[in-house]
Protein backbone atom coordinates (compact mmCIF):
# COMPACT_ATOMS: atom_id res chain seq x y z
CA UNK A 1 10.98 -16.53 -11.19
CA UNK A 2 11.22 -17.80 -7.66
CA UNK A 3 14.25 -19.86 -6.69
CA UNK A 4 14.02 -23.57 -6.03
CA UNK A 5 15.77 -25.72 -3.46
CA UNK A 6 13.30 -26.42 -0.66
CA UNK A 7 9.73 -27.53 -0.53
CA UNK A 8 8.55 -23.98 0.12
CA UNK A 9 10.91 -22.77 -2.57
CA UNK A 10 9.28 -25.10 -5.08
CA UNK A 11 5.88 -23.72 -4.16
CA UNK A 12 7.24 -20.21 -4.52
CA UNK A 13 8.70 -21.14 -7.86
CA UNK A 14 5.24 -22.12 -9.06
CA UNK A 15 3.64 -18.95 -7.77
CA UNK A 16 6.33 -16.73 -9.22
CA UNK A 17 6.20 -18.39 -12.63
CA UNK A 18 2.43 -18.16 -12.71
CA UNK A 19 2.47 -14.47 -11.78
CA UNK A 20 5.16 -13.74 -14.31
CA UNK A 21 3.24 -15.64 -16.98
CA UNK A 22 0.39 -13.17 -16.69
CA UNK A 23 2.85 -10.28 -16.65
CA UNK A 24 4.43 -11.60 -19.87
CA UNK A 25 1.04 -11.84 -21.52
CA UNK A 26 0.02 -8.36 -20.36
CA UNK A 27 3.24 -6.95 -21.81
CA UNK A 28 2.60 -8.66 -25.14
CA UNK A 29 5.62 -10.97 -24.92
CA UNK A 30 5.36 -14.38 -26.52
CA UNK A 31 6.02 -16.97 -23.83
CA UNK A 32 7.70 -19.29 -26.33
CA UNK A 33 10.47 -16.72 -26.81
CA UNK A 34 11.52 -16.90 -23.16
CA UNK A 35 14.02 -19.22 -21.52
CA UNK A 36 13.94 -21.10 -18.25
CA UNK A 37 10.16 -21.60 -18.09
CA UNK A 38 9.32 -24.48 -15.77
CA UNK A 39 7.30 -27.51 -16.97
CA UNK A 40 4.56 -26.52 -14.50
CA UNK A 41 3.86 -23.33 -16.39
CA UNK A 42 4.14 -24.97 -19.80
CA UNK A 43 1.60 -27.61 -18.74
CA UNK A 44 -0.67 -24.93 -17.32
CA UNK A 45 -1.01 -23.12 -20.68
CA UNK A 46 -1.12 -26.20 -22.91
CA UNK A 47 -3.87 -25.93 -25.52
CA UNK A 48 -5.47 -28.16 -28.09
CA UNK A 49 -3.90 -27.10 -31.37
CA UNK A 50 -5.98 -29.59 -33.36
CA UNK A 51 -8.47 -26.76 -33.78
CA UNK A 52 -7.46 -23.39 -35.17
CA UNK A 53 -8.24 -20.58 -32.79
CA UNK A 54 -10.34 -17.87 -34.39
CA UNK A 55 -7.79 -15.30 -33.24
CA UNK A 56 -4.79 -17.30 -34.45
CA UNK A 57 -3.55 -17.09 -38.02
CA UNK A 58 -3.85 -20.46 -39.70
CA UNK A 59 -0.57 -19.90 -41.55
CA UNK A 60 1.46 -19.87 -38.32
CA UNK A 61 2.73 -23.24 -37.12
CA UNK A 62 2.92 -23.11 -33.33
CA UNK A 63 5.47 -25.92 -33.24
CA UNK A 64 8.06 -23.72 -34.91
CA UNK A 65 7.73 -20.99 -32.30
CA UNK A 66 9.46 -22.92 -29.55
CA UNK A 67 12.69 -22.89 -31.56
CA UNK A 68 12.65 -19.13 -32.17
CA UNK A 69 15.63 -17.12 -30.96
CA UNK A 70 15.04 -15.69 -27.51
CA UNK A 71 14.40 -11.95 -27.55
CA UNK A 72 14.95 -11.61 -23.79
CA UNK A 73 17.95 -9.73 -22.50
CA UNK A 74 19.12 -9.30 -18.93
CA UNK A 75 17.75 -6.04 -17.57
CA UNK A 76 20.54 -3.65 -16.66
CA UNK A 77 18.49 -0.98 -14.85
CA UNK A 78 20.60 1.81 -16.30
CA UNK A 79 18.19 4.49 -15.04
CA UNK A 80 16.83 5.12 -11.58
CA UNK A 81 13.28 5.44 -12.86
CA UNK A 82 11.35 2.74 -14.64
CA UNK A 83 8.40 2.77 -17.05
CA UNK A 84 7.76 -0.93 -16.28
CA UNK A 85 7.53 -1.86 -19.95
CA UNK A 86 9.12 -5.32 -19.54
CA UNK A 87 8.16 -7.82 -16.84
CA UNK A 88 10.94 -9.27 -14.67
CA UNK A 89 12.23 -12.76 -15.33
CA UNK A 90 15.06 -13.29 -12.83
CA UNK A 91 14.91 -15.59 -9.83
CA UNK A 92 14.02 -14.26 -6.39
CA UNK A 93 13.24 -15.96 -3.10
CA UNK A 94 9.77 -16.48 -1.72
CA UNK A 95 10.55 -14.09 1.14
CA UNK A 96 11.52 -11.37 -1.33
CA UNK A 97 8.36 -12.00 -3.35
CA UNK A 98 6.21 -11.33 -0.30
CA UNK A 99 8.13 -8.58 1.49
CA UNK A 100 8.79 -6.50 -1.63
CA UNK A 101 5.09 -6.38 -2.47
CA UNK A 102 4.15 -5.45 1.10
CA UNK A 103 6.79 -2.70 1.28
CA UNK A 104 5.50 -1.11 -1.91
CA UNK A 105 1.94 -1.42 -0.67
CA UNK A 106 2.88 0.61 2.42
CA UNK A 107 4.08 3.46 0.21
CA UNK A 108 1.02 3.39 -2.04
CA UNK A 109 -1.32 3.36 0.96
CA UNK A 110 0.42 6.41 2.44
CA UNK A 111 0.21 8.25 -0.88
CA UNK A 112 -3.51 7.55 -1.05
CA UNK A 113 -3.91 8.71 2.55
CA UNK A 114 -2.15 11.99 1.72
CA UNK A 115 -4.53 12.47 -1.19
CA UNK A 116 -7.56 11.79 1.00
CA UNK A 117 -6.34 14.37 3.53
CA UNK A 118 -5.89 16.99 0.78
CA UNK A 119 -2.19 17.46 1.46
CA UNK A 120 -0.29 19.71 -0.94
CA UNK A 121 2.42 18.22 -3.19
CA UNK A 122 5.07 19.75 -0.91
CA UNK A 123 3.50 18.25 2.21
CA UNK A 124 3.09 14.89 0.48
CA UNK A 125 6.74 14.85 -0.61
CA UNK A 126 7.89 15.73 2.92
CA UNK A 127 5.76 12.92 4.37
CA UNK A 128 6.56 10.22 1.80
CA UNK A 129 10.29 10.77 1.25
CA UNK A 130 11.42 9.28 4.62
CA UNK A 131 9.09 6.32 4.10
CA UNK A 132 10.54 5.74 0.63
CA UNK A 133 14.03 5.72 2.08
CA UNK A 134 12.92 3.13 4.63
CA UNK A 135 10.76 0.78 2.56
CA UNK A 136 11.54 1.41 -1.12
CA UNK A 137 14.87 3.24 -1.56
CA UNK A 138 15.90 4.18 -5.07
CA UNK A 139 19.22 6.02 -5.28
CA UNK A 140 20.55 7.79 -8.40
CA UNK A 141 23.56 6.63 -10.41
CA UNK A 142 25.62 9.50 -9.01
CA UNK A 143 25.43 7.96 -5.52
CA UNK A 144 27.89 5.23 -6.53
CA UNK A 145 31.28 5.39 -8.23
CA UNK A 146 30.40 2.37 -10.35
CA UNK A 147 27.09 3.92 -11.42
CA UNK A 148 24.24 1.52 -12.29
CA UNK A 149 26.54 -1.53 -12.19
CA UNK A 150 26.77 -1.19 -8.40
CA UNK A 151 25.16 -4.34 -6.89
CA UNK A 152 23.32 -2.43 -4.17
CA UNK A 153 21.82 0.00 -6.70
CA UNK A 154 20.77 -2.88 -8.91
CA UNK A 155 19.11 -4.63 -5.96
CA UNK A 156 17.08 -1.51 -5.14
CA UNK A 157 15.91 -1.17 -8.73
CA UNK A 158 15.16 -4.87 -8.97
CA UNK A 159 12.96 -4.61 -5.87
CA UNK A 160 11.13 -1.64 -7.35
CA UNK A 161 10.63 -3.48 -10.64
CA UNK A 162 9.37 -6.73 -9.13
CA UNK A 163 7.13 -5.13 -6.51
CA UNK A 164 5.35 -3.08 -9.20
CA UNK A 165 4.52 -6.16 -11.29
CA UNK A 166 3.43 -8.23 -8.29
CA UNK A 167 0.98 -5.53 -7.23
CA UNK A 168 -0.10 -4.93 -10.83
CA UNK A 169 -1.17 -8.55 -10.94
CA UNK A 170 -2.95 -8.28 -7.58
CA UNK A 171 -4.87 -5.11 -8.45
CA UNK A 172 -6.05 -5.93 -11.95
CA UNK A 173 -9.18 -7.79 -10.86
CA UNK A 174 -11.71 -4.93 -10.78
CA UNK A 175 -12.14 -1.52 -12.36
CA UNK A 176 -11.98 0.17 -8.97
CA UNK A 177 -8.70 -1.50 -8.00
CA UNK A 178 -7.18 -0.73 -11.39
CA UNK A 179 -8.14 2.95 -11.13
CA UNK A 180 -6.82 3.28 -7.60
CA UNK A 181 -3.59 1.45 -8.39
CA UNK A 182 -2.97 3.57 -11.49
CA UNK A 183 -3.68 6.76 -9.54
CA UNK A 184 -1.24 6.08 -6.69
CA UNK A 185 1.44 4.56 -8.96
CA UNK A 186 1.24 7.72 -11.07
CA UNK A 187 1.59 9.83 -7.94
CA UNK A 188 4.66 7.82 -6.91
CA UNK A 189 6.21 8.14 -10.36
CA UNK A 190 5.56 11.92 -10.43
CA UNK A 191 7.15 12.32 -7.01
CA UNK A 192 10.25 10.42 -8.05
CA UNK A 193 10.52 12.08 -11.45
CA UNK A 194 10.39 15.58 -9.99
CA UNK A 195 12.95 14.70 -7.33
CA UNK A 196 15.36 13.11 -9.85
CA UNK A 197 18.67 14.65 -10.83
CA UNK A 198 18.32 16.84 -13.95
CA UNK A 199 20.94 14.96 -15.97
CA UNK A 200 19.54 11.55 -15.04
CA UNK A 201 16.01 12.72 -15.76
CA UNK A 202 17.11 13.83 -19.22
CA UNK A 203 18.84 10.49 -19.88
CA UNK A 204 15.75 8.60 -18.72
CA UNK A 205 13.40 10.54 -21.00
CA UNK A 206 15.80 10.05 -23.92
CA UNK A 207 15.79 6.27 -23.34
CA UNK A 208 11.99 6.15 -23.71
CA UNK A 209 12.02 7.19 -27.40
CA UNK A 210 8.71 9.06 -27.31
CA UNK A 211 7.13 9.99 -30.62
CA UNK A 212 6.93 13.68 -29.79
CA UNK A 213 7.14 16.20 -32.63
CA UNK A 214 9.41 19.18 -32.12
CA UNK A 215 7.90 22.47 -33.22
CA UNK A 216 9.99 23.99 -35.99
CA UNK A 217 11.37 27.54 -35.82
CA UNK A 218 9.07 28.63 -38.64
CA UNK A 219 6.00 27.35 -36.81
CA UNK A 220 7.18 28.99 -33.58
CA UNK A 221 7.46 32.37 -35.31
CA UNK A 222 4.05 31.89 -36.89
CA UNK A 223 2.44 31.19 -33.50
CA UNK A 224 4.71 33.49 -31.47
CA UNK A 225 1.96 35.69 -29.97
CA UNK A 226 -0.23 32.75 -29.01
CA UNK A 227 2.67 30.74 -27.55
CA UNK A 228 3.77 33.70 -25.40
CA UNK A 229 0.23 34.14 -24.12
CA UNK A 230 0.01 30.45 -23.20
CA UNK A 231 3.47 30.33 -21.54
CA UNK A 232 3.61 32.52 -18.40
CA UNK A 233 6.96 34.24 -17.84
CA UNK A 234 8.21 33.71 -21.40
CA UNK A 235 9.79 36.88 -22.84
CA UNK A 236 11.53 35.64 -25.98
CA UNK A 237 10.17 32.77 -28.04
CA UNK A 238 13.74 31.67 -28.86
CA UNK A 239 14.33 30.86 -25.18
CA UNK A 240 11.96 27.90 -25.17
CA UNK A 241 11.62 24.68 -27.14
CA UNK A 242 8.20 23.15 -27.78
CA UNK A 243 6.75 19.70 -28.39
CA UNK A 244 3.57 19.11 -30.33
CA UNK A 245 1.33 16.24 -29.18
CA UNK A 246 -2.35 15.28 -29.25
CA UNK A 247 -4.08 17.27 -26.53
CA UNK A 248 -5.57 14.11 -24.95
CA UNK A 249 -2.07 13.07 -23.91
CA UNK A 250 -1.59 16.05 -21.57
CA UNK A 251 -4.93 16.48 -19.77
CA UNK A 252 -3.24 17.92 -16.69
CA UNK A 253 -1.73 20.81 -18.68
CA UNK A 254 -4.95 21.41 -20.57
CA UNK A 255 -6.91 21.56 -17.34
CA UNK A 256 -4.46 24.09 -15.91
CA UNK A 257 -4.49 26.20 -19.12
CA UNK A 258 -0.71 25.93 -19.39
CA UNK A 259 -0.46 25.00 -23.07
CA UNK A 260 -1.62 26.31 -26.41
CA UNK A 261 -4.31 24.23 -28.12
CA UNK A 262 -4.58 24.45 -31.88
CA UNK A 263 -6.07 22.06 -34.45
CA UNK A 264 -6.25 19.22 -31.91
CA UNK A 265 -2.61 19.59 -30.87
CA UNK A 266 -1.13 20.82 -27.60
CA UNK A 267 2.05 22.90 -27.85
CA UNK A 268 3.98 21.94 -24.72
CA UNK A 269 7.13 23.81 -23.60
CA UNK A 270 10.11 21.74 -22.50
CA UNK A 271 9.73 23.26 -19.03
CA UNK A 272 6.44 21.32 -18.74
CA UNK A 273 8.02 18.07 -19.89
CA UNK A 274 7.28 16.30 -16.59
CA UNK A 275 3.53 16.47 -17.22
CA UNK A 276 4.01 14.83 -20.60
CA UNK A 277 6.14 12.04 -19.18
CA UNK A 278 3.66 11.41 -16.35
CA UNK A 279 0.78 11.35 -18.85
CA UNK A 280 2.64 8.81 -20.97
CA UNK A 281 3.33 6.71 -17.87
CA UNK A 282 -0.35 6.73 -16.90
CA UNK A 283 -1.46 5.76 -20.40
CA UNK A 284 1.04 2.90 -20.55
CA UNK A 285 0.07 1.66 -17.08
CA UNK A 286 -3.67 1.77 -17.87
CA UNK A 287 -3.05 -0.32 -20.97
CA UNK A 288 -0.93 -2.83 -19.04
CA UNK A 289 -3.53 -3.18 -16.29
CA UNK A 290 -6.27 -3.78 -18.85
CA UNK A 291 -4.26 -6.49 -20.57
CA UNK A 292 -3.44 -8.13 -17.25
CA UNK A 293 -7.10 -8.15 -16.24
CA UNK A 294 -7.96 -10.00 -19.45
CA UNK A 295 -5.33 -12.63 -18.69
CA UNK A 296 -6.50 -13.26 -15.11
CA UNK A 297 -9.52 -15.46 -16.03
CA UNK A 298 -7.17 -17.82 -17.90
CA UNK A 299 -5.18 -18.47 -14.75
CA UNK A 300 -5.31 -22.12 -13.67
CA UNK A 301 -4.60 -23.50 -10.19
CA UNK A 302 -6.50 -20.65 -8.56
CA UNK A 303 -6.43 -22.38 -5.20
CA UNK A 304 -2.70 -21.65 -4.96
CA UNK A 305 -2.26 -18.15 -6.35
CA UNK A 306 -5.61 -16.44 -5.88
CA UNK A 307 -5.55 -16.38 -2.03
CA UNK A 308 -2.21 -14.52 -2.05
CA UNK A 309 -3.39 -11.97 -4.61
CA UNK A 310 -6.72 -11.60 -2.83
CA UNK A 311 -4.93 -10.86 0.44
CA UNK A 312 -2.83 -8.15 -1.19
CA UNK A 313 -5.84 -6.55 -2.85
CA UNK A 314 -7.75 -6.53 0.46
CA UNK A 315 -4.82 -4.77 2.09
CA UNK A 316 -5.22 -1.92 -0.40
CA UNK A 317 -8.40 -0.95 1.45
CA UNK A 318 -6.53 -0.86 4.75
CA UNK A 319 -2.86 -1.92 4.71
CA UNK A 320 -2.19 -4.92 6.88
CA UNK A 321 0.09 -4.51 9.85
CA UNK A 322 1.44 -6.80 12.50
CA UNK A 323 2.02 -6.02 16.16
CA UNK A 324 3.70 -8.76 18.13
CA UNK A 325 3.62 -9.07 21.90
CA UNK A 326 7.41 -9.38 21.65
CA UNK A 327 7.72 -5.76 20.55
CA UNK A 328 8.98 -3.28 23.17
CA UNK A 329 6.20 -2.02 25.41
CA UNK A 330 5.96 1.34 27.16
CA UNK A 331 8.67 1.77 29.81
CA UNK A 332 7.27 3.60 32.81
CA UNK A 333 3.66 2.77 31.96
CA UNK A 334 1.86 0.83 34.70
CA UNK A 335 -0.03 -1.77 32.68
CA UNK A 336 -1.92 -4.14 34.96
CA UNK A 337 -5.51 -5.18 35.62
CA UNK A 338 -6.21 -2.09 37.75
CA UNK A 339 -4.93 0.45 35.19
CA UNK A 340 -7.03 -0.49 32.16
CA UNK A 341 -9.80 2.01 32.95
CA UNK A 342 -7.26 4.85 33.09
CA UNK A 343 -5.38 3.74 29.97
CA UNK A 344 -8.66 3.40 28.01
CA UNK A 345 -8.48 7.14 27.24
CA UNK A 346 -5.74 6.22 24.75
CA UNK A 347 -7.74 3.44 23.07
CA UNK A 348 -8.96 3.64 19.46
CA UNK A 349 -12.73 3.78 19.01
CA UNK A 350 -13.09 0.02 18.38
CA UNK A 351 -11.47 -0.81 21.73
CA UNK A 352 -13.21 2.02 23.56
CA UNK A 353 -16.52 0.59 22.38
CA UNK A 354 -15.58 -2.87 23.69
CA UNK A 355 -14.43 -1.41 27.00
CA UNK A 356 -17.59 0.70 27.45
CA UNK A 357 -19.79 -2.28 26.56
CA UNK A 358 -17.92 -4.50 29.01
CA UNK A 359 -18.35 -1.97 31.80
CA UNK A 360 -22.04 -1.47 31.00
CA UNK A 361 -23.02 -5.15 30.62
CA UNK A 362 -20.27 -6.90 32.61
CA UNK A 363 -19.92 -9.30 29.67
CA UNK A 364 -18.72 -9.59 26.06
CA UNK A 365 -19.48 -12.29 23.53
CA UNK A 366 -16.79 -14.56 22.10
CA UNK A 367 -15.34 -12.46 19.26
CA UNK A 368 -15.49 -9.33 21.38
CA UNK A 369 -13.55 -11.06 24.17
CA UNK A 370 -10.99 -12.38 21.68
CA UNK A 371 -10.46 -9.02 19.95
CA UNK A 372 -10.14 -7.19 23.27
CA UNK A 373 -7.94 -9.84 24.92
CA UNK A 374 -5.43 -9.75 22.05
CA UNK A 375 -5.39 -5.94 22.16
CA UNK A 376 -4.62 -6.03 25.89
CA UNK A 377 -1.95 -8.62 25.22
CA UNK A 378 -0.38 -6.32 22.62
CA UNK A 379 -0.40 -3.46 25.17
CA UNK A 380 1.82 -5.55 27.42
CA UNK A 381 -0.74 -6.90 29.89
CA UNK A 382 0.49 -10.22 31.28
CA UNK A 383 -1.65 -13.33 31.14
CA UNK A 384 -2.06 -13.35 34.93
CA UNK A 385 -3.26 -9.73 34.95
CA UNK A 386 -5.50 -10.42 31.95
CA UNK A 387 -7.19 -13.26 33.83
CA UNK A 388 -7.69 -10.96 36.83
CA UNK A 389 -9.10 -8.22 34.59
CA UNK A 390 -11.67 -10.49 32.98
CA UNK A 391 -12.63 -12.15 36.26
CA UNK A 392 -13.24 -8.75 37.86
CA UNK A 393 -15.19 -7.57 34.80
CA UNK A 394 -17.54 -10.58 34.75
CA UNK A 395 -19.25 -9.62 38.00
CA UNK A 396 -22.37 -11.76 37.46
CA UNK A 397 -20.36 -14.94 36.82
CA UNK A 398 -19.25 -17.36 39.55
CA UNK A 399 -15.64 -18.48 39.86
CA UNK A 400 -16.59 -21.98 38.81
CA UNK A 401 -18.37 -20.76 35.66
CA UNK A 402 -15.49 -18.43 34.78
CA UNK A 403 -12.91 -21.19 35.12
CA UNK A 404 -14.99 -23.61 33.03
CA UNK A 405 -16.12 -21.29 30.22
CA UNK A 406 -13.63 -18.43 29.89
CA UNK A 407 -10.27 -19.14 31.52
CA UNK A 408 -9.03 -21.61 28.91
CA UNK A 409 -9.72 -19.25 25.97
CA UNK A 410 -7.67 -16.48 27.58
CA UNK A 411 -4.77 -18.84 28.24
CA UNK A 412 -5.03 -20.16 24.67
CA UNK A 413 -4.83 -16.61 23.24
CA UNK A 414 -1.59 -16.12 25.17
CA UNK A 415 -0.18 -19.47 24.00
CA UNK A 416 -0.14 -20.98 27.47
CA UNK A 417 -2.23 -23.98 26.36
CA UNK A 418 -3.13 -25.63 23.08
CA UNK A 419 -1.09 -27.44 20.46
CA UNK A 420 2.67 -27.22 20.07
CA UNK A 421 2.38 -24.67 17.26
CA UNK A 422 0.20 -22.38 19.41
CA UNK A 423 2.57 -22.58 22.37
CA UNK A 424 5.68 -22.09 20.26
CA UNK A 425 4.06 -19.09 18.58
CA UNK A 426 3.00 -17.70 21.98
CA UNK A 427 -0.63 -17.66 20.98
CA UNK A 428 -2.43 -15.26 18.65
CA UNK A 429 -1.20 -11.89 17.45
CA UNK A 430 -3.27 -8.74 18.15
CA UNK A 431 -5.76 -7.98 15.38
CA UNK A 432 -4.84 -5.34 12.82
CA UNK A 433 -7.34 -2.85 11.40
CA UNK A 434 -7.50 -4.85 8.19
CA UNK A 435 -8.41 -8.03 10.05
CA UNK A 436 -11.03 -6.26 12.16
CA UNK A 437 -12.57 -4.69 9.07
CA UNK A 438 -12.76 -7.81 6.95
CA UNK A 439 -13.33 -10.76 9.29
CA UNK A 440 -16.27 -11.77 11.51
CA UNK A 441 -18.67 -8.82 11.17
CA UNK A 442 -20.63 -8.28 14.41
CA UNK A 443 -24.14 -9.62 14.79
CA UNK A 444 -26.95 -8.66 17.19
CA UNK A 445 -25.70 -8.14 20.73
CA UNK A 446 -22.01 -8.21 19.69
CA UNK A 447 -19.63 -5.27 20.21
CA UNK A 448 -16.54 -6.28 18.24
CA UNK A 449 -15.57 -5.01 14.79
CA UNK A 450 -14.88 -1.44 13.63
CA UNK A 451 -17.44 1.24 14.56
CA UNK A 452 -16.50 3.28 11.47
CA UNK A 453 -17.58 0.39 9.28
CA UNK A 454 -20.19 -1.51 11.26
CA UNK A 455 -22.10 1.35 12.95
CA UNK A 456 -24.82 3.46 11.37
CA UNK A 457 -23.97 7.13 10.89
CA UNK A 458 -26.15 8.23 13.82
CA UNK A 459 -24.75 5.60 16.18
CA UNK A 460 -21.19 6.40 15.13
CA UNK A 461 -21.74 10.13 15.74
CA UNK A 462 -23.25 9.41 19.16
CA UNK A 463 -20.30 7.19 20.12
CA UNK A 464 -17.76 9.80 18.99
CA UNK A 465 -19.51 12.51 20.97
CA UNK A 466 -19.66 10.24 24.01
CA UNK A 467 -15.88 9.77 23.79
CA UNK A 468 -15.17 13.50 23.57
CA UNK A 469 -15.23 14.26 19.82
CA UNK A 470 -17.65 17.14 19.29
CA UNK A 471 -15.94 19.28 16.64
CA UNK A 472 -18.37 19.69 13.74
CA UNK A 473 -15.67 19.76 11.06
CA UNK A 474 -14.17 16.52 12.38
CA UNK A 475 -17.58 14.82 12.54
CA UNK A 476 -18.37 16.00 9.01
CA UNK A 477 -15.01 14.71 7.77
CA UNK A 478 -15.54 11.36 9.46
CA UNK A 479 -18.96 11.05 7.83
CA UNK A 480 -17.46 11.75 4.39
CA UNK A 481 -14.68 9.22 4.96
CA UNK A 482 -17.14 6.54 6.04
CA UNK A 483 -19.41 7.19 3.04
CA UNK A 484 -16.39 6.68 0.77
CA UNK A 485 -15.36 3.55 2.74
CA UNK A 486 -12.12 5.15 3.97
CA UNK A 487 -12.53 3.75 7.46
CA UNK A 488 -8.88 3.90 8.57
CA UNK A 489 -8.66 7.50 7.35
CA UNK A 490 -11.65 8.39 9.53
CA UNK A 491 -9.91 6.81 12.54
CA UNK A 492 -6.70 8.73 11.80
CA UNK A 493 -8.70 11.94 11.46
CA UNK A 494 -10.06 11.48 14.99
CA UNK A 495 -6.57 10.66 16.30
CA UNK A 496 -5.07 13.79 14.77
CA UNK A 497 -7.87 15.92 16.22
CA UNK A 498 -7.38 14.48 19.71
CA UNK A 499 -3.59 14.94 19.57
CA UNK A 500 -3.22 18.03 17.38
CA UNK A 501 -1.28 20.02 20.02
CA UNK A 502 1.17 17.21 20.72
CA UNK A 503 1.66 16.37 17.03
CA UNK A 504 2.41 20.02 16.28
CA UNK A 505 4.96 20.08 19.10
CA UNK A 506 6.92 16.99 17.99
CA UNK A 507 6.93 18.25 14.40
CA UNK A 508 8.26 21.67 15.39
CA UNK A 509 10.90 20.17 17.66
CA UNK A 510 11.83 17.56 15.06
CA UNK A 511 11.77 14.77 17.65
CA UNK A 512 9.41 12.62 15.54
CA UNK A 513 9.76 12.11 11.81
CA UNK A 514 7.29 11.07 9.12
CA UNK A 515 7.87 7.36 9.81
CA UNK A 516 6.70 7.85 13.42
CA UNK A 517 3.60 9.76 12.27
CA UNK A 518 2.54 7.64 9.32
CA UNK A 519 -1.02 6.40 8.90
CA UNK A 520 -2.17 4.21 11.79
CA UNK A 521 -3.35 0.77 10.66
CA UNK A 522 -3.24 -1.13 13.95
CA UNK A 523 -5.15 -0.54 17.22
CA UNK A 524 -2.04 -1.15 19.33
CA UNK A 525 -0.09 1.39 17.30
CA UNK A 526 -2.90 3.86 18.01
CA UNK A 527 -2.63 3.19 21.77
CA UNK A 528 1.15 3.36 21.88
CA UNK A 529 1.36 6.56 19.87
CA UNK A 530 -1.43 8.20 21.87
CA UNK A 531 0.19 7.31 25.20
CA UNK A 532 3.59 8.65 24.15
CA UNK A 533 2.16 11.89 22.76
CA UNK A 534 0.07 12.57 25.87
CA UNK A 535 3.07 11.90 28.12
CA UNK A 536 5.66 14.03 26.35
CA UNK A 537 8.22 15.49 28.74
CA UNK A 538 7.06 13.47 31.73
CA UNK A 539 9.36 11.32 33.83
CA UNK A 540 9.92 7.95 32.27
CA UNK A 541 9.06 9.26 28.82
CA UNK A 542 10.85 7.51 25.99
CA UNK A 543 11.51 8.13 22.33
CA UNK A 544 9.02 6.79 19.83
CA UNK A 545 9.88 3.20 18.82
CA UNK A 546 7.86 1.87 15.90
């Protein structure tokens, strides 16, 4: 639940209770058995018990349920890993509710990006591990003298627990979101399980109480020849223990021909235990997502909770990112009205298209001007230089017309004019990829938006070739990404092609880590990273700051 105390805290309390209500239902927990449920939630699920529900046994008196002994116990998080069987019920702040979900979403988006780029498990682990340490750390019990009772360890595991259930609620709305969420959550669980300490992994599996049947010694001797043939590297049958499970529970092992199949059962060696655990995790998660999706239509007060969940689910297509004009700019880079043409070689395709259109037509329509102005602002262009840049670009416009029709909007974007809130917030923030993809699609004569999404395949190919991308493999990969609606992956593919030499250099030298080379989800991040890579070793060069 979300803590109370302030007006925003009360709102958060409502949102948290509502989200947890659905989590309770999806986990099959009777709400009446739980303590500390606010009156808001109780009112929200009130029903007319004058009529007997067809799915409710007539012999059960609902009024007696509220006096039942609570079956809830404080979660101790004794193990590093979690099967997410029970929903969380403790109080957290509104800020934690939001930031924990976003941090986990960053990790899941990177895992999906690694999958799209066909990275090997080793490459994926090397890329994701630093990001996990930054956004979603999860240390083992051996890292602390007080084991799982250590407050810092418990806080890490609490964040992991809560963030999973918040995103589970957000991504249960459609079959596609459920499949994608289950796929990347399974990948995250597999990565953590394989990296876990052997003793802690054994204790975790033991705590799950799986209904696996051990193969007896007599059955092992009876199937000795077949088990040896199905277990590469096994010399003596006595050296290995086996489980016997339904073959549908280990599809990964069946696909890889790593188990013996007989009479509908798969004989799995203990050495392949991780595949069994991952399969059980996937099955449990699929069931939980299905139950949560059934509970979503019964959610009242949609005007409060649905926008938050909808925003999170949209970010799964392209993770949202912020880039404030208060962030450090590029020391040594001459960013003024006269340098934009030169710096445009470092622009992402969306901004290159705006810049080329501006130079060709000496004009941009409203949303194009706004998108480009905020990008220039994020680069570090001052408001005075921005006004000069636009005045020089609008060659067919008189000074009087420019001052009347365009000057105010530029000053408003920088927070120089407007209401108190706009001035205090220093205007608008530069648009992220997610915002460009999902808001204000371009109409006839407009140049804003994302070319990977809003251009036809032929026009996109022509624009890429005009900006120097002619490699057939890259163009083919971009086309496949666009067809599968992986627009930010297509943009990153072009970036990696244009900077492959520099990226290889910083990786070999170890000067940039995975966090500095993660998936780009903001145009200004694209510009900053491109500029730094192309200026490696030059005077005034600085370390990557992200």
